[in-house]
Amino acid sequence: MFKKYFPHLLLLIYIIEFILLAINPTNREVWFIENSVVLPLVLVVIIFYIKNVRLSNISYLIIFGLFYMHQVGAHYMFENVPFNWFNNLFGFHRNNYDRVGHFLIGLLAYPMTEVLIRFKAVNKKWFACFTAVMFITAIAAFYEIYEWINAINVDPVASAGFMGSQGDFWDTPKDMLMDFLGGILGVIIYLSVYRKNMLEQLGCEDVRS
């Protein structure tokens, strides 16, 4: 029962988080821009679910984990998120909440690989993994362009908050690298889960025989 309604629980948590963090964000303009990216994606996930295009609970956990993290970043502006425990743990001098967020975006390669294989969009499993990682990396590049276009059309404070570079000249390629590395980990996790499921199915067949 819990597994069946797990996606519903994730959505409920997101709705509650969205309502709470919509109250008095650090910069309302940045909050609107950030949510202009995520809310359409949330609606797409909901529509596909209603249309009975379902993913695994692991995929939904990864997807909504990204949504949760993004809402926190939208509320505080990413560079201002209370994240000192993590930064101090690894000795970072900048707030790396956005870097972790980009890595989590990369993990979307897991559900993307699942979709490609389940719906037979490609014939080879290795090619599905490769396509997912490359697609995630491409989306990361387009997002950086989207950030730049929006940043030049808002006031300077909102622009700096939305870009979140924190004075790092190499912020854009570093963000894309984190997306790529997250994608690699995403497909590794998928292949591990896929192998485990196959072994369990073979075990059940051996018992039946």
C-alpha atoms as a PDB file:
ATOM      1  CA  MET A   1       0.000   0.000   0.000  1.00  0.00           C
ATOM      2  CA  PHE A   2       2.805   2.415   0.933  1.00  0.00           C
ATOM      3  CA  LYS A   3       4.669   1.720  -2.309  1.00  0.00           C
ATOM      4  CA  LYS A   4       1.505   2.325  -4.321  1.00  0.00           C
ATOM      5  CA  TYR A   5       0.858   5.756  -2.812  1.00  0.00           C
ATOM      6  CA  PHE A   6       4.491   6.803  -2.401  1.00  0.00           C
ATOM      7  CA  PRO A   7       4.348   9.260  -5.356  1.00  0.00           C
ATOM      8  CA  HIS A   8       1.208  10.823  -3.849  1.00  0.00           C
ATOM      9  CA  LEU A   9       3.051  11.363  -0.570  1.00  0.00           C
ATOM     10  CA  LEU A  10       5.972  12.987  -2.384  1.00  0.00           C
ATOM     11  CA  LEU A  11       3.594  15.337  -4.187  1.00  0.00           C
ATOM     12  CA  LEU A  12       1.809  16.240  -0.954  1.00  0.00           C
ATOM     13  CA  ILE A  13       5.122  17.095   0.717  1.00  0.00           C
ATOM     14  CA  TYR A  14       6.038  19.266  -2.275  1.00  0.00           C
ATOM     15  CA  ILE A  15       2.744  21.162  -2.146  1.00  0.00           C
ATOM     16  CA  ILE A  16       3.191  21.860   1.568  1.00  0.00           C
ATOM     17  CA  GLU A  17       6.798  22.953   1.019  1.00  0.00           C
ATOM     18  CA  PHE A  18       5.785  25.169  -1.896  1.00  0.00           C
ATOM     19  CA  ILE A  19       3.113  26.953   0.150  1.00  0.00           C
ATOM     20  CA  LEU A  20       5.405  27.512   3.131  1.00  0.00           C
ATOM     21  CA  LEU A  21       8.394  28.707   1.099  1.00  0.00           C
ATOM     22  CA  ALA A  22       6.246  30.968  -1.067  1.00  0.00           C
ATOM     23  CA  ILE A  23       5.786  33.124   2.025  1.00  0.00           C
ATOM     24  CA  ASN A  24       8.198  36.050   2.095  1.00  0.00           C
ATOM     25  CA  PRO A  25      11.056  34.736  -0.068  1.00  0.00           C
ATOM     26  CA  THR A  26      14.369  36.599  -0.054  1.00  0.00           C
ATOM     27  CA  ASN A  27      13.694  38.053  -3.488  1.00  0.00           C
ATOM     28  CA  ARG A  28      10.239  37.670  -5.009  1.00  0.00           C
ATOM     29  CA  GLU A  29      11.463  38.293  -8.560  1.00  0.00           C
ATOM     30  CA  VAL A  30      14.068  35.534  -8.312  1.00  0.00           C
ATOM     31  CA  TRP A  31      11.452  33.268  -6.727  1.00  0.00           C
ATOM     32  CA  PHE A  32       9.133  33.771  -9.720  1.00  0.00           C
ATOM     33  CA  ILE A  33      11.895  33.106 -12.241  1.00  0.00           C
ATOM     34  CA  GLU A  34      13.088  29.964 -10.438  1.00  0.00           C
ATOM     35  CA  ASN A  35       9.555  28.585 -10.224  1.00  0.00           C
ATOM     36  CA  SER A  36       8.916  29.339 -13.877  1.00  0.00           C
ATOM     37  CA  VAL A  37      11.380  26.516 -14.524  1.00  0.00           C
ATOM     38  CA  VAL A  38      10.196  23.937 -12.010  1.00  0.00           C
ATOM     39  CA  LEU A  39       6.403  24.276 -11.896  1.00  0.00           C
ATOM     40  CA  PRO A  40       5.927  23.222 -15.542  1.00  0.00           C
ATOM     41  CA  LEU A  41       8.036  20.132 -14.810  1.00  0.00           C
ATOM     42  CA  VAL A  42       5.886  19.299 -11.781  1.00  0.00           C
ATOM     43  CA  LEU A  43       2.779  19.568 -13.962  1.00  0.00           C
ATOM     44  CA  VAL A  44       4.337  17.292 -16.590  1.00  0.00           C
ATOM     45  CA  VAL A  45       5.068  14.630 -13.952  1.00  0.00           C
ATOM     46  CA  ILE A  46       1.489  14.871 -12.651  1.00  0.00           C
ATOM     47  CA  ILE A  47      -0.049  14.707 -16.147  1.00  0.00           C
ATOM     48  CA  PHE A  48       1.997  11.662 -17.117  1.00  0.00           C
ATOM     49  CA  TYR A  49       1.026   9.970 -13.861  1.00  0.00           C
ATOM     50  CA  ILE A  50      -2.660  10.662 -14.500  1.00  0.00           C
ATOM     51  CA  LYS A  51      -2.213   9.315 -18.042  1.00  0.00           C
ATOM     52  CA  ASN A  52      -0.945   6.114 -16.404  1.00  0.00           C
ATOM     53  CA  VAL A  53       2.644   6.629 -17.525  1.00  0.00           C
ATOM     54  CA  ARG A  54       4.229   5.529 -14.276  1.00  0.00           C
ATOM     55  CA  LEU A  55       7.839   5.345 -13.146  1.00  0.00           C
ATOM     56  CA  SER A  56       9.497   3.494 -10.291  1.00  0.00           C
ATOM     57  CA  ASN A  57       9.413   4.928  -6.782  1.00  0.00           C
ATOM     58  CA  ILE A  58      13.172   5.467  -6.964  1.00  0.00           C
ATOM     59  CA  SER A  59      12.673   7.669 -10.020  1.00  0.00           C
ATOM     60  CA  TYR A  60       9.955   9.669  -8.279  1.00  0.00           C
ATOM     61  CA  LEU A  61      12.179  10.069  -5.215  1.00  0.00           C
ATOM     62  CA  ILE A  62      14.984  11.492  -7.366  1.00  0.00           C
ATOM     63  CA  ILE A  63      12.617  13.791  -9.265  1.00  0.00           C
ATOM     64  CA  PHE A  64      10.891  15.179  -6.193  1.00  0.00           C
ATOM     65  CA  GLY A  65      14.179  15.396  -4.313  1.00  0.00           C
ATOM     66  CA  LEU A  66      15.257  17.860  -6.990  1.00  0.00           C
ATOM     67  CA  PHE A  67      11.958  19.744  -6.685  1.00  0.00           C
ATOM     68  CA  TYR A  68      12.333  19.991  -2.888  1.00  0.00           C
ATOM     69  CA  MET A  69      15.883  21.272  -3.122  1.00  0.00           C
ATOM     70  CA  HIS A  70      15.006  23.779  -5.815  1.00  0.00           C
ATOM     71  CA  GLN A  71      12.186  25.261  -3.738  1.00  0.00           C
ATOM     72  CA  VAL A  72      14.600  25.914  -0.871  1.00  0.00           C
ATOM     73  CA  GLY A  73      17.014  27.576  -3.298  1.00  0.00           C
ATOM     74  CA  ALA A  74      14.217  29.676  -4.795  1.00  0.00           C
ATOM     75  CA  HIS A  75      13.140  30.860  -1.349  1.00  0.00           C
ATOM     76  CA  TYR A  76      16.559  31.892  -0.034  1.00  0.00           C
ATOM     77  CA  MET A  77      18.325  32.433  -3.379  1.00  0.00           C
ATOM     78  CA  PHE A  78      20.808  29.609  -3.778  1.00  0.00           C
ATOM     79  CA  GLU A  79      23.882  31.430  -2.512  1.00  0.00           C
ATOM     80  CA  ASN A  80      22.074  32.359   0.727  1.00  0.00           C
ATOM     81  CA  VAL A  81      20.713  28.920   1.653  1.00  0.00           C
ATOM     82  CA  PRO A  82      21.780  27.929   5.202  1.00  0.00           C
ATOM     83  CA  PHE A  83      24.284  25.272   4.153  1.00  0.00           C
ATOM     84  CA  ASN A  84      27.307  26.005   6.322  1.00  0.00           C
ATOM     85  CA  TRP A  85      27.376  22.517   7.824  1.00  0.00           C
ATOM     86  CA  PHE A  86      28.146  21.089   4.391  1.00  0.00           C
ATOM     87  CA  ASN A  87      30.508  23.863   3.301  1.00  0.00           C
ATOM     88  CA  ASN A  88      32.465  23.664   6.563  1.00  0.00           C
ATOM     89  CA  LEU A  89      32.571  19.871   6.414  1.00  0.00           C
ATOM     90  CA  PHE A  90      34.471  19.955   3.122  1.00  0.00           C
ATOM     91  CA  GLY A  91      36.244  23.275   3.678  1.00  0.00           C
ATOM     92  CA  PHE A  92      34.449  25.143   0.922  1.00  0.00           C
ATOM     93  CA  HIS A  93      34.743  28.938   0.924  1.00  0.00           C
ATOM     94  CA  ARG A  94      31.604  29.450  -1.183  1.00  0.00           C
ATOM     95  CA  ASN A  95      28.074  28.204  -0.617  1.00  0.00           C
ATOM     96  CA  ASN A  96      27.939  25.023  -2.682  1.00  0.00           C
ATOM     97  CA  TYR A  97      24.212  24.380  -2.311  1.00  0.00           C
ATOM     98  CA  ASP A  98      23.793  25.131  -6.015  1.00  0.00           C
ATOM     99  CA  ARG A  99      26.587  22.701  -6.910  1.00  0.00           C
ATOM    100  CA  VAL A 100      24.834  19.927  -4.990  1.00  0.00           C
ATOM    101  CA  GLY A 101      21.623  20.919  -6.763  1.00  0.00           C
ATOM    102  CA  HIS A 102      23.279  20.535 -10.159  1.00  0.00           C
ATOM    103  CA  PHE A 103      24.595  17.129  -9.143  1.00  0.00           C
ATOM    104  CA  LEU A 104      21.053  16.146  -8.196  1.00  0.00           C
ATOM    105  CA  ILE A 105      19.855  17.314 -11.607  1.00  0.00           C
ATOM    106  CA  GLY A 106      22.327  14.864 -13.073  1.00  0.00           C
ATOM    107  CA  LEU A 107      20.693  12.032 -11.157  1.00  0.00           C
ATOM    108  CA  LEU A 108      17.668  12.545 -13.416  1.00  0.00           C
ATOM    109  CA  ALA A 109      19.584  10.294 -15.785  1.00  0.00           C
ATOM    110  CA  TYR A 110      18.138   7.462 -13.683  1.00  0.00           C
ATOM    111  CA  PRO A 111      14.457   8.082 -14.529  1.00  0.00           C
ATOM    112  CA  MET A 112      15.408   9.053 -18.074  1.00  0.00           C
ATOM    113  CA  THR A 113      17.205   5.744 -18.604  1.00  0.00           C
ATOM    114  CA  GLU A 114      14.228   3.963 -17.099  1.00  0.00           C
ATOM    115  CA  VAL A 115      11.870   5.667 -19.553  1.00  0.00           C
ATOM    116  CA  LEU A 116      14.071   4.919 -22.570  1.00  0.00           C
ATOM    117  CA  ILE A 117      14.349   1.241 -21.680  1.00  0.00           C
ATOM    118  CA  ARG A 118      10.812   0.631 -20.449  1.00  0.00           C
ATOM    119  CA  PHE A 119       9.169   2.245 -23.457  1.00  0.00           C
ATOM    120  CA  LYS A 120      11.745   0.792 -25.840  1.00  0.00           C
ATOM    121  CA  ALA A 121      12.839   4.145 -27.236  1.00  0.00           C
ATOM    122  CA  VAL A 122      16.241   2.550 -27.830  1.00  0.00           C
ATOM    123  CA  ASN A 123      17.196  -1.084 -28.268  1.00  0.00           C
ATOM    124  CA  LYS A 124      20.447  -1.205 -26.340  1.00  0.00           C
ATOM    125  CA  LYS A 125      20.728  -0.643 -22.609  1.00  0.00           C
ATOM    126  CA  TRP A 126      24.180   0.933 -22.884  1.00  0.00           C
ATOM    127  CA  PHE A 127      22.876   3.376 -25.497  1.00  0.00           C
ATOM    128  CA  ALA A 128      19.966   4.328 -23.231  1.00  0.00           C
ATOM    129  CA  CYS A 129      22.456   5.164 -20.460  1.00  0.00           C
ATOM    130  CA  PHE A 130      24.665   7.135 -22.849  1.00  0.00           C
ATOM    131  CA  THR A 131      21.677   9.036 -24.257  1.00  0.00           C
ATOM    132  CA  ALA A 132      20.393   9.897 -20.776  1.00  0.00           C
ATOM    133  CA  VAL A 133      23.745  11.309 -19.631  1.00  0.00           C
ATOM    134  CA  MET A 134      24.244  13.304 -22.837  1.00  0.00           C
ATOM    135  CA  PHE A 135      20.681  14.636 -22.724  1.00  0.00           C
ATOM    136  CA  ILE A 136      21.082  15.750 -19.110  1.00  0.00           C
ATOM    137  CA  THR A 137      24.351  17.491 -19.991  1.00  0.00           C
ATOM    138  CA  ALA A 138      22.690  19.224 -22.949  1.00  0.00           C
ATOM    139  CA  ILE A 139      19.780  20.364 -20.775  1.00  0.00           C
ATOM    140  CA  ALA A 140      22.332  21.726 -18.290  1.00  0.00           C
ATOM    141  CA  ALA A 141      23.902  23.801 -21.065  1.00  0.00           C
ATOM    142  CA  PHE A 142      20.517  25.158 -22.175  1.00  0.00           C
ATOM    143  CA  TYR A 143      19.672  26.010 -18.566  1.00  0.00           C
ATOM    144  CA  GLU A 144      22.856  28.041 -18.205  1.00  0.00           C
ATOM    145  CA  ILE A 145      21.822  29.990 -21.319  1.00  0.00           C
ATOM    146  CA  TYR A 146      18.334  30.431 -19.844  1.00  0.00           C
ATOM    147  CA  GLU A 147      19.903  31.783 -16.646  1.00  0.00           C
ATOM    148  CA  TRP A 148      21.995  34.265 -18.614  1.00  0.00           C
ATOM    149  CA  ILE A 149      19.038  35.512 -20.704  1.00  0.00           C
ATOM    150  CA  ASN A 150      16.889  36.032 -17.623  1.00  0.00           C
ATOM    151  CA  ALA A 151      19.684  37.579 -15.585  1.00  0.00           C
ATOM    152  CA  ILE A 152      20.282  40.392 -18.081  1.00  0.00           C
ATOM    153  CA  ASN A 153      16.592  41.305 -17.979  1.00  0.00           C
ATOM    154  CA  VAL A 154      16.173  41.745 -14.216  1.00  0.00           C
ATOM    155  CA  ASP A 155      17.577  44.224 -11.715  1.00  0.00           C
ATOM    156  CA  PRO A 156      21.241  43.789 -10.668  1.00  0.00           C
ATOM    157  CA  VAL A 157      20.439  42.276  -7.250  1.00  0.00           C
ATOM    158  CA  ALA A 158      18.016  39.736  -8.696  1.00  0.00           C
ATOM    159  CA  SER A 159      20.439  39.048 -11.543  1.00  0.00           C
ATOM    160  CA  ALA A 160      23.284  38.162  -9.167  1.00  0.00           C
ATOM    161  CA  GLY A 161      20.957  36.056  -7.046  1.00  0.00           C
ATOM    162  CA  PHE A 162      19.568  34.156 -10.007  1.00  0.00           C
ATOM    163  CA  MET A 163      22.939  33.467 -11.617  1.00  0.00           C
ATOM    164  CA  GLY A 164      24.412  32.421  -8.262  1.00  0.00           C
ATOM    165  CA  SER A 165      27.987  32.492  -9.540  1.00  0.00           C
ATOM    166  CA  GLN A 166      29.227  34.070  -6.291  1.00  0.00           C
ATOM    167  CA  GLY A 167      32.113  35.662  -8.133  1.00  0.00           C
ATOM    168  CA  ASP A 168      33.379  32.368  -9.590  1.00  0.00           C
ATOM    169  CA  PHE A 169      34.506  32.978 -13.179  1.00  0.00           C
ATOM    170  CA  TRP A 170      34.240  29.241 -13.928  1.00  0.00           C
ATOM    171  CA  ASP A 171      30.811  28.802 -12.349  1.00  0.00           C
ATOM    172  CA  THR A 172      29.035  27.730 -15.550  1.00  0.00           C
ATOM    173  CA  PRO A 173      31.406  24.901 -16.601  1.00  0.00           C
ATOM    174  CA  LYS A 174      31.608  23.705 -12.987  1.00  0.00           C
ATOM    175  CA  ASP A 175      27.816  23.517 -12.801  1.00  0.00           C
ATOM    176  CA  MET A 176      27.714  21.557 -16.061  1.00  0.00           C
ATOM    177  CA  LEU A 177      30.424  19.225 -14.777  1.00  0.00           C
ATOM    178  CA  MET A 178      28.324  18.490 -11.689  1.00  0.00           C
ATOM    179  CA  ASP A 179      25.332  17.754 -13.940  1.00  0.00           C
ATOM    180  CA  PHE A 180      27.475  15.358 -15.961  1.00  0.00           C
ATOM    181  CA  LEU A 181      28.914  13.582 -12.903  1.00  0.00           C
ATOM    182  CA  GLY A 182      25.453  13.287 -11.396  1.00  0.00           C
ATOM    183  CA  GLY A 183      24.292  11.754 -14.669  1.00  0.00           C
ATOM    184  CA  ILE A 184      27.066   9.162 -14.531  1.00  0.00           C
ATOM    185  CA  LEU A 185      26.077   8.221 -10.983  1.00  0.00           C
ATOM    186  CA  GLY A 186      22.414   8.133 -12.001  1.00  0.00           C
ATOM    187  CA  VAL A 187      22.976   5.496 -14.681  1.00  0.00           C
ATOM    188  CA  ILE A 188      25.291   3.512 -12.397  1.00  0.00           C
ATOM    189  CA  ILE A 189      22.533   3.382  -9.783  1.00  0.00           C
ATOM    190  CA  TYR A 190      20.015   2.407 -12.454  1.00  0.00           C
ATOM    191  CA  LEU A 191      22.191  -0.424 -13.740  1.00  0.00           C
ATOM    192  CA  SER A 192      22.735  -1.669 -10.182  1.00  0.00           C
ATOM    193  CA  VAL A 193      18.998  -1.686  -9.465  1.00  0.00           C
ATOM    194  CA  TYR A 194      18.277  -3.235 -12.874  1.00  0.00           C
ATOM    195  CA  ARG A 195      20.783  -6.027 -12.224  1.00  0.00           C
ATOM    196  CA  LYS A 196      19.349  -6.655  -8.761  1.00  0.00           C
ATOM    197  CA  ASN A 197      15.814  -6.903 -10.148  1.00  0.00           C
ATOM    198  CA  MET A 198      16.945  -9.301 -12.865  1.00  0.00           C
ATOM    199  CA  LEU A 199      18.690 -11.526 -10.314  1.00  0.00           C
ATOM    200  CA  GLU A 200      15.582 -11.536  -8.118  1.00  0.00           C
ATOM    201  CA  GLN A 201      13.425 -12.523 -11.087  1.00  0.00           C
ATOM    202  CA  LEU A 202      15.825 -15.323 -11.985  1.00  0.00           C
ATOM    203  CA  GLY A 203      15.749 -16.471  -8.364  1.00  0.00           C
ATOM    204  CA  CYS A 204      11.971 -16.648  -8.427  1.00  0.00           C
ATOM    205  CA  GLU A 205      12.075 -18.664 -11.660  1.00  0.00           C
ATOM    206  CA  ASP A 206      14.534 -21.124 -10.118  1.00  0.00           C
ATOM    207  CA  VAL A 207      12.225 -21.622  -7.131  1.00  0.00           C
ATOM    208  CA  ARG A 208       9.240 -22.252  -9.424  1.00  0.00           C
ATOM    209  CA  SER A 209      11.163 -24.796 -11.453  1.00  0.00           C
END
